[in-house]
Amino acid sequence: MEYWYATLKRYWLHFIAIGLLAICLRRYVALAQWEEKLPEMAVAVFGCVCVLASDEVVDWTGSYGLTRNQWRSYPTWFVRNTGICLLLYAVWGL
């Protein structure tokens, strides 16, 4: 029982993101407007990637400062919250 609670406590945001992506996919298929709703679906997929792989997204979206020694990137919590916001936008848009 403790294992499941620890897993849920650690990955609760992942489960919400997968659920929101499933809602978006269901609406996308039900509407059958493939070309018109493609941008919203792309936003939903990228939002889910931001939540599930936030460390990798931080590495992908970082930038150098004035020199090569100044690497700047957003914190992972910011990327996760942005991903959830993107998913909510996609659910609302579909």
C-alpha atoms as a PDB file:
ATOM      1  CA  MET A   1       0.000   0.000   0.000  1.00  0.00           C
ATOM      2  CA  GLU A   2       2.837   2.378   0.802  1.00  0.00           C
ATOM      3  CA  TYR A   3       4.393   1.734  -2.600  1.00  0.00           C
ATOM      4  CA  TRP A   4       1.236   2.801  -4.449  1.00  0.00           C
ATOM      5  CA  TYR A   5       0.849   5.872  -2.278  1.00  0.00           C
ATOM      6  CA  ALA A   6       4.470   6.880  -2.881  1.00  0.00           C
ATOM      7  CA  THR A   7       4.055   6.347  -6.616  1.00  0.00           C
ATOM      8  CA  LEU A   8       0.862   8.391  -6.710  1.00  0.00           C
ATOM      9  CA  LYS A   9       2.451  11.129  -4.625  1.00  0.00           C
ATOM     10  CA  ARG A  10       5.429  11.317  -6.976  1.00  0.00           C
ATOM     11  CA  TYR A  11       3.655  11.045 -10.334  1.00  0.00           C
ATOM     12  CA  TRP A  12       0.245  12.648  -9.732  1.00  0.00           C
ATOM     13  CA  LEU A  13       0.905  15.411 -12.236  1.00  0.00           C
ATOM     14  CA  HIS A  14       1.906  12.827 -14.846  1.00  0.00           C
ATOM     15  CA  PHE A  15      -1.420  11.039 -14.408  1.00  0.00           C
ATOM     16  CA  ILE A  16      -3.319  14.310 -14.792  1.00  0.00           C
ATOM     17  CA  ALA A  17      -1.348  15.146 -17.952  1.00  0.00           C
ATOM     18  CA  ILE A  18      -2.014  11.740 -19.503  1.00  0.00           C
ATOM     19  CA  GLY A  19      -5.708  12.067 -18.645  1.00  0.00           C
ATOM     20  CA  LEU A  20      -5.915  15.529 -20.217  1.00  0.00           C
ATOM     21  CA  LEU A  21      -4.118  14.258 -23.324  1.00  0.00           C
ATOM     22  CA  ALA A  22      -6.621  11.394 -23.534  1.00  0.00           C
ATOM     23  CA  ILE A  23      -9.487  13.909 -23.330  1.00  0.00           C
ATOM     24  CA  CYS A  24      -7.886  15.976 -26.098  1.00  0.00           C
ATOM     25  CA  LEU A  25      -7.358  12.908 -28.273  1.00  0.00           C
ATOM     26  CA  ARG A  26     -10.957  11.794 -27.752  1.00  0.00           C
ATOM     27  CA  ARG A  27     -12.299  15.216 -28.717  1.00  0.00           C
ATOM     28  CA  TYR A  28      -9.920  15.432 -31.676  1.00  0.00           C
ATOM     29  CA  VAL A  29     -11.132  12.106 -33.045  1.00  0.00           C
ATOM     30  CA  ALA A  30     -14.797  12.850 -32.278  1.00  0.00           C
ATOM     31  CA  LEU A  31     -14.726  16.194 -34.085  1.00  0.00           C
ATOM     32  CA  ALA A  32     -13.044  14.668 -37.160  1.00  0.00           C
ATOM     33  CA  GLN A  33     -11.750  18.090 -38.205  1.00  0.00           C
ATOM     34  CA  TRP A  34      -8.210  16.902 -38.773  1.00  0.00           C
ATOM     35  CA  GLU A  35      -6.662  19.945 -40.439  1.00  0.00           C
ATOM     36  CA  GLU A  36      -8.614  22.600 -38.518  1.00  0.00           C
ATOM     37  CA  LYS A  37      -7.830  21.269 -35.043  1.00  0.00           C
ATOM     38  CA  LEU A  38      -4.265  20.118 -35.690  1.00  0.00           C
ATOM     39  CA  PRO A  39      -2.622  23.137 -33.946  1.00  0.00           C
ATOM     40  CA  GLU A  40      -4.591  22.509 -30.750  1.00  0.00           C
ATOM     41  CA  MET A  41      -3.631  18.835 -30.807  1.00  0.00           C
ATOM     42  CA  ALA A  42       0.032  19.731 -31.349  1.00  0.00           C
ATOM     43  CA  VAL A  43      -0.170  22.074 -28.343  1.00  0.00           C
ATOM     44  CA  ALA A  44      -1.662  19.231 -26.289  1.00  0.00           C
ATOM     45  CA  VAL A  45       1.104  16.811 -27.261  1.00  0.00           C
ATOM     46  CA  PHE A  46       3.832  19.351 -26.490  1.00  0.00           C
ATOM     47  CA  GLY A  47       2.154  20.156 -23.169  1.00  0.00           C
ATOM     48  CA  CYS A  48       2.164  16.479 -22.259  1.00  0.00           C
ATOM     49  CA  VAL A  49       5.838  16.220 -23.221  1.00  0.00           C
ATOM     50  CA  CYS A  50       6.573  19.243 -21.017  1.00  0.00           C
ATOM     51  CA  VAL A  51       4.968  17.528 -18.043  1.00  0.00           C
ATOM     52  CA  LEU A  52       6.311  14.009 -18.576  1.00  0.00           C
ATOM     53  CA  ALA A  53       9.869  14.923 -19.607  1.00  0.00           C
ATOM     54  CA  SER A  54      10.422  18.322 -18.023  1.00  0.00           C
ATOM     55  CA  ASP A  55      14.147  17.759 -17.430  1.00  0.00           C
ATOM     56  CA  GLU A  56      14.743  17.029 -21.103  1.00  0.00           C
ATOM     57  CA  VAL A  57      12.649  20.009 -22.211  1.00  0.00           C
ATOM     58  CA  VAL A  58      14.730  22.225 -19.921  1.00  0.00           C
ATOM     59  CA  ASP A  59      17.860  20.941 -21.666  1.00  0.00           C
ATOM     60  CA  TRP A  60      16.342  21.467 -25.136  1.00  0.00           C
ATOM     61  CA  THR A  61      15.097  25.000 -24.514  1.00  0.00           C
ATOM     62  CA  GLY A  62      18.077  26.433 -22.670  1.00  0.00           C
ATOM     63  CA  SER A  63      20.202  29.184 -24.155  1.00  0.00           C
ATOM     64  CA  TYR A  64      23.673  30.588 -23.768  1.00  0.00           C
ATOM     65  CA  GLY A  65      24.290  34.022 -22.307  1.00  0.00           C
ATOM     66  CA  LEU A  66      27.027  36.346 -23.455  1.00  0.00           C
ATOM     67  CA  THR A  67      29.647  33.590 -23.263  1.00  0.00           C
ATOM     68  CA  ARG A  68      29.548  29.810 -23.585  1.00  0.00           C
ATOM     69  CA  ASN A  69      29.964  29.500 -19.819  1.00  0.00           C
ATOM     70  CA  GLN A  70      26.621  31.164 -19.078  1.00  0.00           C
ATOM     71  CA  TRP A  71      23.984  28.506 -19.704  1.00  0.00           C
ATOM     72  CA  ARG A  72      20.462  29.646 -18.855  1.00  0.00           C
ATOM     73  CA  SER A  73      17.332  27.568 -18.728  1.00  0.00           C
ATOM     74  CA  TYR A  74      13.942  27.584 -17.051  1.00  0.00           C
ATOM     75  CA  PRO A  75      13.431  25.551 -13.869  1.00  0.00           C
ATOM     76  CA  THR A  76      11.629  22.235 -14.209  1.00  0.00           C
ATOM     77  CA  TRP A  77       8.637  23.363 -12.123  1.00  0.00           C
ATOM     78  CA  PHE A  78       8.067  26.206 -14.584  1.00  0.00           C
ATOM     79  CA  VAL A  79       8.156  23.813 -17.546  1.00  0.00           C
ATOM     80  CA  ARG A  80       5.729  21.413 -15.818  1.00  0.00           C
ATOM     81  CA  ASN A  81       3.265  24.176 -14.980  1.00  0.00           C
ATOM     82  CA  THR A  82       3.512  25.540 -18.512  1.00  0.00           C
ATOM     83  CA  GLY A  83       2.782  22.048 -19.838  1.00  0.00           C
ATOM     84  CA  ILE A  84      -0.355  21.763 -17.714  1.00  0.00           C
ATOM     85  CA  CYS A  85      -1.462  25.218 -18.891  1.00  0.00           C
ATOM     86  CA  LEU A  86      -0.911  24.154 -22.512  1.00  0.00           C
ATOM     87  CA  LEU A  87      -2.967  21.011 -21.945  1.00  0.00           C
ATOM     88  CA  LEU A  88      -5.801  22.985 -20.372  1.00  0.00           C
ATOM     89  CA  TYR A  89      -5.699  25.418 -23.303  1.00  0.00           C
ATOM     90  CA  ALA A  90      -5.896  22.510 -25.736  1.00  0.00           C
ATOM     91  CA  VAL A  91      -8.834  20.932 -23.877  1.00  0.00           C
ATOM     92  CA  TRP A  92     -10.621  24.271 -23.962  1.00  0.00           C
ATOM     93  CA  GLY A  93      -9.776  24.809 -27.643  1.00  0.00           C
ATOM     94  CA  LEU A  94     -10.923  21.415 -28.890  1.00  0.00           C
END
